[in-house]
Amino acid sequence: QVQFVESGGGLVQPGGSLRLSCAASRDIFRRYTLGWYRQAPGKQRELVARITSWRITNYADSVKGRFIISKDNDRNTVYLQMNSLKPEDTAVYYCNALTSTMTPMYDVWGQGTQVTVSS
């Protein structure tokens, strides 16, 4: 089993930026597609960005053009640069690896990192 540790969240005003980090307990970054998810209160967890082992990225329409996913294989860390944040981006953000069918690979999630966008 892999453990994920997310960090970098906080309170930010609309239009601001945050950079999230997710570290994994072992080397999975070279082999698998990695994804950032978020879950807002009362809503299902959704995939917002993913990056393949070849560094091909894909984004949900709601964050396209504002968020950038990247990774550092040597540090077993994936990042999410979030710009032009909106109140609707408020959620707990998580990371996980993805299966070939784009479902979460691991059943155990990290604690997540809270992002709150508010004036």
N, C-alpha and C. Protein backbone atom coordinates (compact mmCIF):
# COMPACT_ATOMS: atom_id res chain seq x y z
N GLN A 1 0.84 -1.19 0.00
CA GLN A 1 0.00 0.00 0.00
C GLN A 1 0.88 1.25 0.00
N VAL A 2 0.43 2.27 -0.68
CA VAL A 2 1.16 3.53 -0.76
C VAL A 2 0.48 4.55 0.14
N GLN A 3 1.28 5.35 0.81
CA GLN A 3 0.74 6.45 1.60
C GLN A 3 1.00 7.76 0.89
N PHE A 4 -0.02 8.62 0.90
CA PHE A 4 0.09 9.95 0.30
C PHE A 4 0.00 11.00 1.39
N VAL A 5 0.83 12.03 1.29
CA VAL A 5 0.80 13.14 2.23
C VAL A 5 0.66 14.43 1.44
N GLU A 6 -0.49 15.06 1.56
CA GLU A 6 -0.76 16.30 0.85
C GLU A 6 -0.47 17.50 1.76
N SER A 7 -0.03 18.59 1.14
CA SER A 7 0.25 19.81 1.90
C SER A 7 0.13 21.02 0.99
N GLY A 8 0.14 22.20 1.61
CA GLY A 8 0.17 23.44 0.84
C GLY A 8 -1.14 24.19 0.79
N GLY A 9 -2.19 23.64 1.35
CA GLY A 9 -3.47 24.33 1.33
C GLY A 9 -3.50 25.51 2.28
N GLY A 10 -4.62 26.22 2.26
CA GLY A 10 -4.77 27.37 3.13
C GLY A 10 -5.94 28.23 2.72
N LEU A 11 -6.00 29.41 3.34
CA LEU A 11 -7.03 30.39 3.03
C LEU A 11 -6.45 31.42 2.07
N VAL A 12 -7.13 31.66 0.98
CA VAL A 12 -6.66 32.61 -0.02
C VAL A 12 -7.84 33.40 -0.57
N GLN A 13 -7.58 34.62 -0.97
CA GLN A 13 -8.64 35.46 -1.54
C GLN A 13 -8.90 35.07 -2.98
N PRO A 14 -10.09 35.34 -3.47
CA PRO A 14 -10.37 35.09 -4.89
C PRO A 14 -9.34 35.78 -5.77
N GLY A 15 -8.89 35.06 -6.78
CA GLY A 15 -7.85 35.57 -7.66
C GLY A 15 -6.45 35.22 -7.22
N GLY A 16 -6.32 34.69 -6.03
CA GLY A 16 -5.00 34.32 -5.52
C GLY A 16 -4.51 32.99 -6.04
N SER A 17 -3.34 32.58 -5.52
CA SER A 17 -2.69 31.35 -5.96
C SER A 17 -2.24 30.52 -4.77
N LEU A 18 -2.17 29.23 -4.99
CA LEU A 18 -1.60 28.28 -4.03
C LEU A 18 -0.88 27.19 -4.81
N ARG A 19 0.09 26.60 -4.16
CA ARG A 19 0.78 25.45 -4.74
C ARG A 19 0.68 24.29 -3.78
N LEU A 20 0.03 23.23 -4.22
CA LEU A 20 -0.13 22.03 -3.40
C LEU A 20 0.96 21.03 -3.74
N SER A 21 1.32 20.24 -2.74
CA SER A 21 2.30 19.17 -2.92
C SER A 21 1.73 17.87 -2.40
N CYS A 22 2.12 16.79 -3.02
CA CYS A 22 1.72 15.46 -2.56
C CYS A 22 2.92 14.54 -2.68
N ALA A 23 3.33 14.00 -1.55
CA ALA A 23 4.46 13.07 -1.52
C ALA A 23 3.93 11.65 -1.32
N ALA A 24 4.54 10.71 -1.99
CA ALA A 24 4.16 9.31 -1.86
C ALA A 24 5.24 8.54 -1.12
N SER A 25 4.82 7.45 -0.48
CA SER A 25 5.75 6.72 0.37
C SER A 25 6.70 5.84 -0.41
N ARG A 26 6.43 5.61 -1.67
CA ARG A 26 7.36 4.84 -2.48
C ARG A 26 7.30 5.28 -3.93
N ASP A 27 8.20 4.74 -4.69
CA ASP A 27 8.40 5.23 -6.04
C ASP A 27 7.33 4.69 -6.99
N ILE A 28 6.29 5.47 -7.20
CA ILE A 28 5.25 5.09 -8.15
C ILE A 28 5.18 6.10 -9.28
N PHE A 29 5.93 7.18 -9.16
CA PHE A 29 5.71 8.30 -10.05
C PHE A 29 6.17 8.04 -11.47
N ARG A 30 7.14 7.17 -11.62
CA ARG A 30 7.62 6.90 -12.97
C ARG A 30 6.71 5.92 -13.71
N ARG A 31 5.90 5.18 -12.97
CA ARG A 31 5.15 4.10 -13.60
C ARG A 31 3.69 4.44 -13.90
N TYR A 32 3.10 5.27 -13.06
CA TYR A 32 1.65 5.45 -13.13
C TYR A 32 1.23 6.87 -13.44
N THR A 33 0.01 6.99 -13.93
CA THR A 33 -0.62 8.30 -14.02
C THR A 33 -1.01 8.74 -12.61
N LEU A 34 -0.77 9.99 -12.32
CA LEU A 34 -1.09 10.55 -11.00
C LEU A 34 -2.17 11.60 -11.15
N GLY A 35 -3.00 11.71 -10.13
CA GLY A 35 -4.09 12.66 -10.22
C GLY A 35 -4.30 13.45 -8.95
N TRP A 36 -4.79 14.67 -9.12
CA TRP A 36 -5.27 15.49 -8.01
C TRP A 36 -6.80 15.46 -8.04
N TYR A 37 -7.37 15.18 -6.89
CA TYR A 37 -8.81 15.16 -6.71
C TYR A 37 -9.20 16.25 -5.73
N ARG A 38 -10.47 16.58 -5.71
CA ARG A 38 -10.96 17.48 -4.68
C ARG A 38 -12.38 17.06 -4.28
N GLN A 39 -12.71 17.37 -3.04
CA GLN A 39 -14.04 17.08 -2.54
C GLN A 39 -14.55 18.27 -1.74
N ALA A 40 -15.60 18.88 -2.26
CA ALA A 40 -16.23 19.99 -1.57
C ALA A 40 -17.33 19.45 -0.66
N PRO A 41 -17.70 20.20 0.36
CA PRO A 41 -18.74 19.73 1.29
C PRO A 41 -20.02 19.37 0.55
N GLY A 42 -20.52 18.17 0.84
CA GLY A 42 -21.77 17.72 0.24
C GLY A 42 -21.66 17.24 -1.18
N LYS A 43 -20.43 17.18 -1.71
CA LYS A 43 -20.25 16.76 -3.10
C LYS A 43 -19.33 15.55 -3.17
N GLN A 44 -19.41 14.86 -4.30
CA GLN A 44 -18.53 13.72 -4.52
C GLN A 44 -17.13 14.17 -4.86
N ARG A 45 -16.18 13.32 -4.58
CA ARG A 45 -14.80 13.59 -4.93
C ARG A 45 -14.68 13.59 -6.46
N GLU A 46 -13.98 14.57 -7.00
CA GLU A 46 -13.81 14.68 -8.44
C GLU A 46 -12.34 14.81 -8.79
N LEU A 47 -12.01 14.27 -9.96
CA LEU A 47 -10.65 14.37 -10.49
C LEU A 47 -10.52 15.71 -11.22
N VAL A 48 -9.52 16.50 -10.83
CA VAL A 48 -9.37 17.81 -11.46
C VAL A 48 -8.15 17.90 -12.37
N ALA A 49 -7.15 17.06 -12.16
CA ALA A 49 -5.97 17.12 -13.01
C ALA A 49 -5.24 15.79 -12.93
N ARG A 50 -4.61 15.41 -14.02
CA ARG A 50 -3.82 14.18 -14.02
C ARG A 50 -2.59 14.37 -14.89
N ILE A 51 -1.55 13.56 -14.60
CA ILE A 51 -0.31 13.62 -15.36
C ILE A 51 0.19 12.20 -15.55
N THR A 52 0.53 11.85 -16.76
CA THR A 52 0.98 10.50 -17.05
C THR A 52 2.46 10.35 -16.75
N SER A 53 2.94 9.12 -16.87
CA SER A 53 4.37 8.87 -16.66
C SER A 53 5.20 9.60 -17.71
N TRP A 54 4.58 9.92 -18.86
CA TRP A 54 5.26 10.68 -19.90
C TRP A 54 5.02 12.18 -19.78
N ARG A 55 4.40 12.59 -18.64
CA ARG A 55 4.14 14.00 -18.34
C ARG A 55 3.10 14.62 -19.26
N ILE A 56 2.23 13.81 -19.81
CA ILE A 56 1.08 14.34 -20.53
C ILE A 56 0.01 14.71 -19.51
N THR A 57 -0.51 15.91 -19.61
CA THR A 57 -1.45 16.41 -18.60
C THR A 57 -2.86 16.54 -19.16
N ASN A 58 -3.81 16.48 -18.24
CA ASN A 58 -5.21 16.64 -18.60
C ASN A 58 -5.93 17.29 -17.44
N TYR A 59 -6.91 18.16 -17.74
CA TYR A 59 -7.58 18.92 -16.71
C TYR A 59 -9.10 18.88 -16.87
N ALA A 60 -9.78 18.97 -15.74
CA ALA A 60 -11.22 19.15 -15.79
C ALA A 60 -11.52 20.54 -16.37
N ASP A 61 -12.65 20.66 -17.03
CA ASP A 61 -12.99 21.94 -17.65
C ASP A 61 -13.04 23.07 -16.63
N SER A 62 -13.42 22.74 -15.42
CA SER A 62 -13.59 23.77 -14.39
C SER A 62 -12.27 24.41 -13.97
N VAL A 63 -11.15 23.74 -14.22
CA VAL A 63 -9.85 24.29 -13.79
C VAL A 63 -8.91 24.53 -14.96
N LYS A 64 -9.31 24.17 -16.15
CA LYS A 64 -8.44 24.30 -17.32
C LYS A 64 -8.03 25.76 -17.52
N GLY A 65 -6.73 25.96 -17.73
CA GLY A 65 -6.22 27.31 -17.92
C GLY A 65 -5.84 28.01 -16.63
N ARG A 66 -6.21 27.42 -15.49
CA ARG A 66 -5.89 28.03 -14.19
C ARG A 66 -4.96 27.16 -13.35
N PHE A 67 -5.11 25.85 -13.46
CA PHE A 67 -4.31 24.90 -12.66
C PHE A 67 -3.26 24.25 -13.54
N ILE A 68 -2.12 23.94 -12.92
CA ILE A 68 -1.04 23.23 -13.61
C ILE A 68 -0.54 22.10 -12.73
N ILE A 69 -0.57 20.89 -13.27
CA ILE A 69 -0.05 19.74 -12.54
C ILE A 69 1.36 19.43 -13.04
N SER A 70 2.23 19.06 -12.11
CA SER A 70 3.60 18.69 -12.47
C SER A 70 4.09 17.67 -11.46
N LYS A 71 5.26 17.10 -11.73
CA LYS A 71 5.78 16.10 -10.79
C LYS A 71 7.29 16.11 -10.80
N ASP A 72 7.84 15.61 -9.71
CA ASP A 72 9.29 15.43 -9.56
C ASP A 72 9.49 13.96 -9.21
N ASN A 73 9.92 13.18 -10.17
CA ASN A 73 10.09 11.74 -9.93
C ASN A 73 11.12 11.45 -8.85
N ASP A 74 12.16 12.23 -8.82
CA ASP A 74 13.22 11.97 -7.84
C ASP A 74 12.76 12.22 -6.42
N ARG A 75 11.79 13.12 -6.25
CA ARG A 75 11.27 13.43 -4.91
C ARG A 75 9.96 12.71 -4.61
N ASN A 76 9.51 11.86 -5.56
CA ASN A 76 8.21 11.18 -5.40
C ASN A 76 7.12 12.17 -5.01
N THR A 77 7.09 13.28 -5.69
CA THR A 77 6.15 14.35 -5.35
C THR A 77 5.44 14.86 -6.59
N VAL A 78 4.14 15.10 -6.45
CA VAL A 78 3.35 15.71 -7.51
C VAL A 78 2.81 17.04 -6.98
N TYR A 79 2.76 18.02 -7.86
CA TYR A 79 2.36 19.37 -7.48
C TYR A 79 1.11 19.80 -8.22
N LEU A 80 0.41 20.74 -7.62
CA LEU A 80 -0.71 21.38 -8.30
C LEU A 80 -0.61 22.88 -8.06
N GLN A 81 -0.23 23.60 -9.10
CA GLN A 81 -0.19 25.06 -9.04
C GLN A 81 -1.58 25.57 -9.38
N MET A 82 -2.16 26.30 -8.46
CA MET A 82 -3.53 26.79 -8.64
C MET A 82 -3.51 28.31 -8.71
N ASN A 83 -3.93 28.84 -9.83
CA ASN A 83 -3.96 30.27 -10.05
C ASN A 83 -5.39 30.75 -10.28
N SER A 84 -5.58 32.06 -10.14
CA SER A 84 -6.91 32.66 -10.37
C SER A 84 -8.00 31.89 -9.63
N LEU A 85 -7.74 31.64 -8.36
CA LEU A 85 -8.65 30.81 -7.58
C LEU A 85 -10.00 31.47 -7.41
N LYS A 86 -11.02 30.61 -7.38
CA LYS A 86 -12.41 31.05 -7.25
C LYS A 86 -13.02 30.43 -5.99
N PRO A 87 -14.06 31.02 -5.45
CA PRO A 87 -14.70 30.41 -4.27
C PRO A 87 -15.14 28.97 -4.53
N GLU A 88 -15.52 28.65 -5.74
CA GLU A 88 -15.94 27.28 -6.04
C GLU A 88 -14.79 26.28 -6.07
N ASP A 89 -13.57 26.76 -5.94
CA ASP A 89 -12.42 25.85 -5.81
C ASP A 89 -12.24 25.38 -4.37
N THR A 90 -13.02 25.93 -3.46
CA THR A 90 -12.92 25.53 -2.06
C THR A 90 -13.26 24.05 -1.90
N ALA A 91 -12.33 23.31 -1.32
CA ALA A 91 -12.49 21.86 -1.18
C ALA A 91 -11.29 21.30 -0.44
N VAL A 92 -11.37 20.04 -0.07
CA VAL A 92 -10.20 19.31 0.38
C VAL A 92 -9.60 18.63 -0.85
N TYR A 93 -8.30 18.81 -1.02
CA TYR A 93 -7.60 18.28 -2.19
C TYR A 93 -6.78 17.06 -1.80
N TYR A 94 -6.86 16.03 -2.65
CA TYR A 94 -6.18 14.76 -2.42
C TYR A 94 -5.42 14.36 -3.69
N CYS A 95 -4.46 13.45 -3.52
CA CYS A 95 -3.83 12.87 -4.70
C CYS A 95 -3.91 11.35 -4.62
N ASN A 96 -3.74 10.74 -5.75
CA ASN A 96 -3.75 9.28 -5.85
C ASN A 96 -3.18 8.92 -7.21
N ALA A 97 -2.80 7.67 -7.36
CA ALA A 97 -2.47 7.17 -8.68
C ALA A 97 -3.76 6.71 -9.35
N LEU A 98 -3.72 6.59 -10.66
CA LEU A 98 -4.90 6.20 -11.41
C LEU A 98 -4.65 4.87 -12.12
N THR A 99 -5.69 4.07 -12.22
CA THR A 99 -5.63 2.84 -13.00
C THR A 99 -5.76 3.16 -14.48
N SER A 100 -5.67 2.14 -15.32
CA SER A 100 -5.80 2.35 -16.76
C SER A 100 -7.20 2.82 -17.15
N THR A 101 -8.15 2.62 -16.28
CA THR A 101 -9.53 3.08 -16.54
C THR A 101 -9.82 4.39 -15.82
N MET A 102 -8.77 5.05 -15.34
CA MET A 102 -8.87 6.38 -14.73
C MET A 102 -9.67 6.37 -13.43
N THR A 103 -9.61 5.26 -12.72
CA THR A 103 -10.20 5.22 -11.38
C THR A 103 -9.06 5.25 -10.36
N PRO A 104 -9.33 5.67 -9.13
CA PRO A 104 -8.25 5.71 -8.13
C PRO A 104 -7.65 4.32 -7.92
N MET A 105 -6.32 4.28 -7.87
CA MET A 105 -5.64 3.00 -7.75
C MET A 105 -5.65 2.47 -6.32
N TYR A 106 -5.49 3.36 -5.35
CA TYR A 106 -5.34 2.94 -3.97
C TYR A 106 -6.58 3.31 -3.16
N ASP A 107 -6.97 2.38 -2.30
CA ASP A 107 -8.20 2.59 -1.52
C ASP A 107 -7.98 3.55 -0.36
N VAL A 108 -6.76 3.58 0.15
CA VAL A 108 -6.48 4.42 1.30
C VAL A 108 -5.99 5.78 0.82
N TRP A 109 -6.68 6.83 1.23
CA TRP A 109 -6.35 8.18 0.83
C TRP A 109 -5.56 8.88 1.94
N GLY A 110 -4.83 9.90 1.55
CA GLY A 110 -4.17 10.73 2.55
C GLY A 110 -5.18 11.59 3.28
N GLN A 111 -4.68 12.44 4.15
CA GLN A 111 -5.58 13.29 4.94
C GLN A 111 -6.11 14.47 4.12
N GLY A 112 -5.48 14.71 2.99
CA GLY A 112 -5.90 15.83 2.15
C GLY A 112 -5.39 17.15 2.68
N THR A 113 -5.56 18.19 1.89
CA THR A 113 -5.18 19.53 2.32
C THR A 113 -6.33 20.48 1.96
N GLN A 114 -6.73 21.26 2.94
CA GLN A 114 -7.91 22.13 2.79
C GLN A 114 -7.53 23.40 2.03
N VAL A 115 -8.31 23.70 1.00
CA VAL A 115 -8.17 24.95 0.27
C VAL A 115 -9.47 25.72 0.45
N THR A 116 -9.35 26.94 0.96
CA THR A 116 -10.52 27.79 1.15
C THR A 116 -10.29 29.10 0.41
N VAL A 117 -11.19 29.40 -0.51
CA VAL A 117 -11.09 30.64 -1.29
C VAL A 117 -12.24 31.55 -0.86
N SER A 118 -11.86 32.61 -0.19
CA SER A 118 -12.87 33.50 0.37
C SER A 118 -12.28 34.87 0.62
N SER A 119 -13.10 35.89 0.48
CA SER A 119 -12.67 37.24 0.80
C SER A 119 -13.02 37.59 2.24
